[in-house]
Each structure stands twice: as structure tokens, then as C-alpha cells.
Amino acid sequence: MSPKPTVSPLPTTATLVSPSTGIDYTPLKNLLAEQKWQQANELTRSLLLKAMNRDLQGWLTAEDIAKLACWDLKTVDDLWTQASNGRFGFSVQYGIFISTGNKPGRLMAPEAYDKFGDQVGWRKNNEWILFKQGLDYSLNAPRGHLPNPRDEYQINGGRLDYTNLTKRINDCQLVTIPTLPSVLPAIPSSVPKKNK
């Protein structure tokens, strides 16, 4: 089971302008507050492209993803996570990504990424969905289903792009995965001794 991210309060209007990119995330906050999930998904894509000056190209390169401003990424994640009560957001996806055997910034076996796609509902009947048309824009969608700001279907579900995004999420410390204590208490032996 993936760790549940901590839900932080929605940023106030005064804090929704990125100090890094100058982008105002207030329109995204408003769409999410109204639970207009499809429009919020489209706007998320548009804002991330704008943050990297790639709105004309319409896609982000691996280099762009590696340079996404942490403030912007965290704000988008916080807005999605808070508006959905912890159901949606990049940090939610990250936990599922890790729990399915994937690693941030590393391409693992395609089966691990497929399992991630299955769990977040981006794959159905062993096939990747057509993202714009196939997404479920409701709170009935699987955990981590949104945002998915991809414009079009990609043959492997965008495995390399998403792996790069998880590395950036990790680098920006959006998610803290709880760790086991370094010293575990000894487990008492419950095996009864045999009498001779």
C-alpha cells in the first residue's frame, strides 16, 4: 500500500504567484475548488508548459522537467491534493509509483510501469487509455488518476517522461516517504523448548 501524503492547507491567494516564474495559480485553485476536474487538468498542462516557456511547442522535454521550479510543482500538487481530499495530485501518484516497483528517475521493467498505470486508471484491459478522452474527471476515479496533463496518447504511457517527473518530485522533496527505524526491536522467540 502506498504511503498517504500529508495534505497541507490550500495556499492563500497572496501566495499563488510563483516567485520563480511569475505564474499565477489562482485560476487553477478556483477550478479545483469548483471540482471542475477536466478544466483543471487542462489548465495544469497549460501552466506547466508556460512555466517552462514551452506553450508554443506543447510538450516538455526531459531537460524541461528537470528544471521545473519546485515552488510551481509543489503549488500544483498542493492545490490538487487539497481540493480532492488527498485523492489526486503528483504526490499521490508518486506514492503509487514507488509502491508498484518503480524508482524516481530510473526506467524499470515496463511491467512495473504498467502496474502503476493499472492502479491509477491510465490503463484498462492491458492497454494505455487515450488520455484526453479516456480519463475519468470525477472523484470516482482511482486514487492518483489526476492530474494527467498529457495532451495525447503515447505508446508506453509516457514512461520516460513520468519517470523524469518523479525524479523532479523527489528532488523537490514534495513527498517524504516514511522510513523504518534504523534499529528494530528484537522479536522474542515463541518457539517452545522440547522436553527430553
C-alpha atoms as a PDB file:
ATOM      1  CA  MET A   1       0.000   0.000   0.000  1.00  0.00           C
ATOM      2  CA  SER A   2       1.370   3.414  -0.915  1.00  0.00           C
ATOM      3  CA  PRO A   3       2.001   5.969   1.805  1.00  0.00           C
ATOM      4  CA  LYS A   4      -0.689   8.622   2.040  1.00  0.00           C
ATOM      5  CA  PRO A   5       0.697  12.123   1.538  1.00  0.00           C
ATOM      6  CA  THR A   6       0.204  14.778   4.142  1.00  0.00           C
ATOM      7  CA  VAL A   7      -2.469  17.201   2.980  1.00  0.00           C
ATOM      8  CA  SER A   8      -1.450  20.792   3.550  1.00  0.00           C
ATOM      9  CA  PRO A   9      -3.886  23.710   3.505  1.00  0.00           C
ATOM     10  CA  LEU A  10      -4.584  25.371   0.175  1.00  0.00           C
ATOM     11  CA  PRO A  11      -2.212  28.259  -0.412  1.00  0.00           C
ATOM     12  CA  THR A  12      -3.807  31.661   0.052  1.00  0.00           C
ATOM     13  CA  THR A  13      -4.376  33.934  -2.930  1.00  0.00           C
ATOM     14  CA  ALA A  14      -1.404  36.049  -1.861  1.00  0.00           C
ATOM     15  CA  THR A  15       0.915  33.064  -2.275  1.00  0.00           C
ATOM     16  CA  LEU A  16      -0.347  31.789  -5.620  1.00  0.00           C
ATOM     17  CA  VAL A  17       2.035  33.799  -7.796  1.00  0.00           C
ATOM     18  CA  SER A  18       5.240  31.884  -8.337  1.00  0.00           C
ATOM     19  CA  PRO A  19       8.360  33.735  -7.231  1.00  0.00           C
ATOM     20  CA  SER A  20      10.282  31.671  -9.811  1.00  0.00           C
ATOM     21  CA  THR A  21       8.121  32.005 -12.918  1.00  0.00           C
ATOM     22  CA  GLY A  22       5.617  34.770 -12.126  1.00  0.00           C
ATOM     23  CA  ILE A  23       2.730  32.450 -12.994  1.00  0.00           C
ATOM     24  CA  ASP A  24      -0.497  32.984 -11.072  1.00  0.00           C
ATOM     25  CA  TYR A  25      -2.053  29.701  -9.948  1.00  0.00           C
ATOM     26  CA  THR A  26      -5.278  31.319  -8.713  1.00  0.00           C
ATOM     27  CA  PRO A  27      -7.297  30.161 -11.763  1.00  0.00           C
ATOM     28  CA  LEU A  28      -6.231  26.560 -11.054  1.00  0.00           C
ATOM     29  CA  LYS A  29      -7.215  26.921  -7.407  1.00  0.00           C
ATOM     30  CA  ASN A  30     -10.642  28.221  -8.468  1.00  0.00           C
ATOM     31  CA  LEU A  31     -11.309  25.383 -10.931  1.00  0.00           C
ATOM     32  CA  LEU A  32     -10.274  22.799  -8.362  1.00  0.00           C
ATOM     33  CA  ALA A  33     -12.412  24.413  -5.654  1.00  0.00           C
ATOM     34  CA  GLU A  34     -15.385  24.060  -8.036  1.00  0.00           C
ATOM     35  CA  GLN A  35     -14.348  20.438  -8.762  1.00  0.00           C
ATOM     36  CA  LYS A  36     -14.040  21.168 -12.460  1.00  0.00           C
ATOM     37  CA  TRP A  37     -11.513  18.383 -12.807  1.00  0.00           C
ATOM     38  CA  GLN A  38     -11.255  18.292 -16.604  1.00  0.00           C
ATOM     39  CA  GLN A  39     -10.701  22.034 -16.946  1.00  0.00           C
ATOM     40  CA  ALA A  40      -8.230  21.919 -14.046  1.00  0.00           C
ATOM     41  CA  ASN A  41      -6.344  19.090 -15.755  1.00  0.00           C
ATOM     42  CA  GLU A  42      -6.109  21.105 -18.988  1.00  0.00           C
ATOM     43  CA  LEU A  43      -5.053  24.233 -17.095  1.00  0.00           C
ATOM     44  CA  THR A  44      -2.404  22.278 -15.183  1.00  0.00           C
ATOM     45  CA  ARG A  45      -0.879  21.248 -18.501  1.00  0.00           C
ATOM     46  CA  SER A  46      -1.026  24.792 -19.818  1.00  0.00           C
ATOM     47  CA  LEU A  47       0.531  26.297 -16.677  1.00  0.00           C
ATOM     48  CA  LEU A  48       3.387  23.777 -16.571  1.00  0.00           C
ATOM     49  CA  LEU A  49       4.138  24.466 -20.240  1.00  0.00           C
ATOM     50  CA  LYS A  50       4.026  28.203 -19.572  1.00  0.00           C
ATOM     51  CA  ALA A  51       6.333  27.794 -16.564  1.00  0.00           C
ATOM     52  CA  MET A  52       8.969  26.378 -18.910  1.00  0.00           C
ATOM     53  CA  ASN A  53       8.217  28.715 -21.853  1.00  0.00           C
ATOM     54  CA  ARG A  54       7.072  25.707 -23.877  1.00  0.00           C
ATOM     55  CA  ASP A  55       3.451  26.679 -24.522  1.00  0.00           C
ATOM     56  CA  LEU A  56       4.099  27.048 -28.261  1.00  0.00           C
ATOM     57  CA  GLN A  57       5.764  23.631 -28.513  1.00  0.00           C
ATOM     58  CA  GLY A  58       3.078  21.940 -26.425  1.00  0.00           C
ATOM     59  CA  TRP A  59       5.311  19.421 -24.638  1.00  0.00           C
ATOM     60  CA  LEU A  60       8.081  19.315 -22.035  1.00  0.00           C
ATOM     61  CA  THR A  61      11.453  17.735 -22.704  1.00  0.00           C
ATOM     62  CA  ALA A  62      13.327  15.707 -20.085  1.00  0.00           C
ATOM     63  CA  GLU A  63      15.534  18.775 -19.561  1.00  0.00           C
ATOM     64  CA  ASP A  64      12.462  20.961 -19.008  1.00  0.00           C
ATOM     65  CA  ILE A  65      11.041  18.542 -16.461  1.00  0.00           C
ATOM     66  CA  ALA A  66      14.370  18.513 -14.607  1.00  0.00           C
ATOM     67  CA  LYS A  67      14.213  22.314 -14.359  1.00  0.00           C
ATOM     68  CA  LEU A  68      10.575  22.742 -13.292  1.00  0.00           C
ATOM     69  CA  ALA A  69      10.546  25.190 -10.397  1.00  0.00           C
ATOM     70  CA  CYS A  70       9.948  23.322  -7.148  1.00  0.00           C
ATOM     71  CA  TRP A  71       7.621  26.074  -5.936  1.00  0.00           C
ATOM     72  CA  ASP A  72       5.409  25.666  -9.006  1.00  0.00           C
ATOM     73  CA  LEU A  73       5.389  21.875  -8.803  1.00  0.00           C
ATOM     74  CA  LYS A  74       4.586  21.946  -5.082  1.00  0.00           C
ATOM     75  CA  THR A  75       1.830  24.527  -5.560  1.00  0.00           C
ATOM     76  CA  VAL A  76       0.163  22.483  -8.312  1.00  0.00           C
ATOM     77  CA  ASP A  77       0.436  19.366  -6.148  1.00  0.00           C
ATOM     78  CA  ASP A  78      -0.893  21.106  -3.020  1.00  0.00           C
ATOM     79  CA  LEU A  79      -3.861  22.529  -4.930  1.00  0.00           C
ATOM     80  CA  TRP A  80      -4.815  19.145  -6.407  1.00  0.00           C
ATOM     81  CA  THR A  81      -4.235  17.215  -3.197  1.00  0.00           C
ATOM     82  CA  GLN A  82      -6.193  19.620  -1.020  1.00  0.00           C
ATOM     83  CA  ALA A  83      -9.129  20.055  -3.420  1.00  0.00           C
ATOM     84  CA  SER A  84      -9.534  16.269  -3.748  1.00  0.00           C
ATOM     85  CA  ASN A  85      -9.012  15.469  -0.051  1.00  0.00           C
ATOM     86  CA  GLY A  86      -5.831  13.548  -0.840  1.00  0.00           C
ATOM     87  CA  ARG A  87      -7.229  11.590  -3.795  1.00  0.00           C
ATOM     88  CA  PHE A  88      -5.396  13.384  -6.624  1.00  0.00           C
ATOM     89  CA  GLY A  89      -2.038  15.093  -7.035  1.00  0.00           C
ATOM     90  CA  PHE A  90       1.528  14.368  -8.064  1.00  0.00           C
ATOM     91  CA  SER A  91       2.460  13.326  -4.522  1.00  0.00           C
ATOM     92  CA  VAL A  92      -0.381  10.773  -4.502  1.00  0.00           C
ATOM     93  CA  GLN A  93       0.834   9.424  -7.852  1.00  0.00           C
ATOM     94  CA  TYR A  94       4.398   9.320  -6.542  1.00  0.00           C
ATOM     95  CA  GLY A  95       3.441   7.034  -3.654  1.00  0.00           C
ATOM     96  CA  ILE A  96       1.662   4.665  -6.026  1.00  0.00           C
ATOM     97  CA  PHE A  97       4.585   4.838  -8.473  1.00  0.00           C
ATOM     98  CA  ILE A  98       7.025   3.741  -5.753  1.00  0.00           C
ATOM     99  CA  SER A  99       4.705   1.053  -4.358  1.00  0.00           C
ATOM    100  CA  THR A 100       4.458  -0.604  -7.784  1.00  0.00           C
ATOM    101  CA  GLY A 101       8.216  -1.190  -8.004  1.00  0.00           C
ATOM    102  CA  ASN A 102       9.236   1.944  -9.886  1.00  0.00           C
ATOM    103  CA  LYS A 103      12.084   4.269  -8.900  1.00  0.00           C
ATOM    104  CA  PRO A 104      12.301   8.047  -9.420  1.00  0.00           C
ATOM    105  CA  GLY A 105      14.406   8.917 -12.456  1.00  0.00           C
ATOM    106  CA  ARG A 106      15.098   5.297 -13.386  1.00  0.00           C
ATOM    107  CA  LEU A 107      13.436   3.267 -16.080  1.00  0.00           C
ATOM    108  CA  MET A 108      12.411  -0.009 -14.517  1.00  0.00           C
ATOM    109  CA  ALA A 109      10.814  -3.009 -16.168  1.00  0.00           C
ATOM    110  CA  PRO A 110       7.841  -1.972 -18.302  1.00  0.00           C
ATOM    111  CA  GLU A 111       5.701  -4.308 -16.186  1.00  0.00           C
ATOM    112  CA  ALA A 112       6.275  -2.109 -13.109  1.00  0.00           C
ATOM    113  CA  TYR A 113       5.177   0.986 -15.004  1.00  0.00           C
ATOM    114  CA  ASP A 114       2.196  -0.899 -16.423  1.00  0.00           C
ATOM    115  CA  LYS A 115       1.211  -1.856 -12.875  1.00  0.00           C
ATOM    116  CA  PHE A 116       1.385   1.828 -11.915  1.00  0.00           C
ATOM    117  CA  GLY A 117      -0.794   2.690 -14.928  1.00  0.00           C
ATOM    118  CA  ASP A 118      -3.287   0.000 -13.919  1.00  0.00           C
ATOM    119  CA  GLN A 119      -3.533   1.304 -10.352  1.00  0.00           C
ATOM    120  CA  VAL A 120      -4.083   4.949 -11.289  1.00  0.00           C
ATOM    121  CA  GLY A 121      -6.521   4.004 -14.058  1.00  0.00           C
ATOM    122  CA  TRP A 122      -4.395   5.089 -17.005  1.00  0.00           C
ATOM    123  CA  ARG A 123      -4.550   1.543 -18.386  1.00  0.00           C
ATOM    124  CA  LYS A 124      -7.642  -0.533 -18.983  1.00  0.00           C
ATOM    125  CA  ASN A 125      -7.799  -4.086 -20.325  1.00  0.00           C
ATOM    126  CA  ASN A 126      -3.984  -4.164 -20.550  1.00  0.00           C
ATOM    127  CA  GLU A 127      -3.889  -1.125 -22.845  1.00  0.00           C
ATOM    128  CA  TRP A 128      -2.986   2.511 -22.206  1.00  0.00           C
ATOM    129  CA  ILE A 129      -6.050   4.718 -22.443  1.00  0.00           C
ATOM    130  CA  LEU A 130      -6.402   7.641 -24.808  1.00  0.00           C
ATOM    131  CA  PHE A 131      -5.568  10.241 -22.204  1.00  0.00           C
ATOM    132  CA  LYS A 132      -7.816  13.174 -23.020  1.00  0.00           C
ATOM    133  CA  GLN A 133     -10.844  11.070 -23.899  1.00  0.00           C
ATOM    134  CA  GLY A 134     -10.238   8.177 -21.514  1.00  0.00           C
ATOM    135  CA  LEU A 135      -9.637   9.991 -18.241  1.00  0.00           C
ATOM    136  CA  ASP A 136     -12.277   9.923 -15.523  1.00  0.00           C
ATOM    137  CA  TYR A 137     -12.823  13.509 -14.430  1.00  0.00           C
ATOM    138  CA  SER A 138     -14.646  12.673 -11.207  1.00  0.00           C
ATOM    139  CA  LEU A 139     -13.920  11.804  -7.596  1.00  0.00           C
ATOM    140  CA  ASN A 140     -14.881   8.225  -8.540  1.00  0.00           C
ATOM    141  CA  ALA A 141     -11.623   7.939 -10.476  1.00  0.00           C
ATOM    142  CA  PRO A 142      -8.895   5.757  -8.966  1.00  0.00           C
ATOM    143  CA  ARG A 143      -6.506   7.373  -6.471  1.00  0.00           C
ATOM    144  CA  GLY A 144      -3.793   9.268  -8.327  1.00  0.00           C
ATOM    145  CA  HIS A 145      -5.748   9.386 -11.599  1.00  0.00           C
ATOM    146  CA  LEU A 146      -5.349  13.154 -11.899  1.00  0.00           C
ATOM    147  CA  PRO A 147      -3.647  15.318 -12.878  1.00  0.00           C
ATOM    148  CA  ASN A 148      -2.539  13.791 -16.127  1.00  0.00           C
ATOM    149  CA  PRO A 149      -1.715  16.835 -18.193  1.00  0.00           C
ATOM    150  CA  ARG A 150      -0.670  14.891 -21.279  1.00  0.00           C
ATOM    151  CA  ASP A 151      -2.136  16.187 -24.489  1.00  0.00           C
ATOM    152  CA  GLU A 152      -2.273  12.936 -26.367  1.00  0.00           C
ATOM    153  CA  TYR A 153      -1.794   9.210 -26.136  1.00  0.00           C
ATOM    154  CA  GLN A 154       1.752   7.898 -26.027  1.00  0.00           C
ATOM    155  CA  ILE A 155       2.539   4.299 -26.883  1.00  0.00           C
ATOM    156  CA  ASN A 156       4.056   3.473 -23.473  1.00  0.00           C
ATOM    157  CA  GLY A 157       2.054   5.871 -21.359  1.00  0.00           C
ATOM    158  CA  GLY A 158       4.927   8.345 -21.325  1.00  0.00           C
ATOM    159  CA  ARG A 159       7.087   6.127 -19.112  1.00  0.00           C
ATOM    160  CA  LEU A 160      10.307   8.125 -19.578  1.00  0.00           C
ATOM    161  CA  ASP A 161       8.552  11.471 -19.096  1.00  0.00           C
ATOM    162  CA  TYR A 162       6.758  10.318 -15.972  1.00  0.00           C
ATOM    163  CA  THR A 163       9.924   8.751 -14.566  1.00  0.00           C
ATOM    164  CA  ASN A 164      11.650  12.115 -15.060  1.00  0.00           C
ATOM    165  CA  LEU A 165       8.747  13.856 -13.320  1.00  0.00           C
ATOM    166  CA  THR A 166       9.037  11.532 -10.314  1.00  0.00           C
ATOM    167  CA  LYS A 167      12.733  12.347 -10.099  1.00  0.00           C
ATOM    168  CA  ARG A 168      11.869  16.046 -10.014  1.00  0.00           C
ATOM    169  CA  ILE A 169       9.182  15.406  -7.374  1.00  0.00           C
ATOM    170  CA  ASN A 170      11.837  13.580  -5.358  1.00  0.00           C
ATOM    171  CA  ASP A 171      14.458  16.309  -5.901  1.00  0.00           C
ATOM    172  CA  CYS A 172      11.948  18.967  -4.821  1.00  0.00           C
ATOM    173  CA  GLN A 173      11.092  16.886  -1.734  1.00  0.00           C
ATOM    174  CA  LEU A 174       7.355  17.046  -2.409  1.00  0.00           C
ATOM    175  CA  VAL A 175       6.915  13.690  -0.716  1.00  0.00           C
ATOM    176  CA  THR A 176       8.574  12.289   2.345  1.00  0.00           C
ATOM    177  CA  ILE A 177       8.364   8.531   2.388  1.00  0.00           C
ATOM    178  CA  PRO A 178       8.400   7.237   5.971  1.00  0.00           C
ATOM    179  CA  THR A 179      11.353   5.016   6.749  1.00  0.00           C
ATOM    180  CA  LEU A 180      11.723   2.161   9.170  1.00  0.00           C
ATOM    181  CA  PRO A 181      13.653   2.867  12.358  1.00  0.00           C
ATOM    182  CA  SER A 182      17.345   2.094  11.973  1.00  0.00           C
ATOM    183  CA  VAL A 183      17.251  -0.356  14.865  1.00  0.00           C
ATOM    184  CA  LEU A 184      14.281  -2.669  15.085  1.00  0.00           C
ATOM    185  CA  PRO A 185      13.424  -4.224  18.444  1.00  0.00           C
ATOM    186  CA  ALA A 186      14.266  -7.884  18.823  1.00  0.00           C
ATOM    187  CA  ILE A 187      11.373 -10.237  18.245  1.00  0.00           C
ATOM    188  CA  PRO A 188      11.055 -12.657  21.149  1.00  0.00           C
ATOM    189  CA  SER A 189      11.200 -16.285  20.254  1.00  0.00           C
ATOM    190  CA  SER A 190       7.918 -18.043  20.815  1.00  0.00           C
ATOM    191  CA  VAL A 191       9.180 -21.494  19.944  1.00  0.00           C
ATOM    192  CA  PRO A 192       8.619 -23.756  22.965  1.00  0.00           C
ATOM    193  CA  LYS A 193      11.576 -25.806  24.115  1.00  0.00           C
ATOM    194  CA  LYS A 194      11.194 -29.549  23.755  1.00  0.00           C
ATOM    195  CA  ASN A 195      11.397 -31.704  26.856  1.00  0.00           C
ATOM    196  CA  LYS A 196      13.663 -34.715  26.620  1.00  0.00           C
END
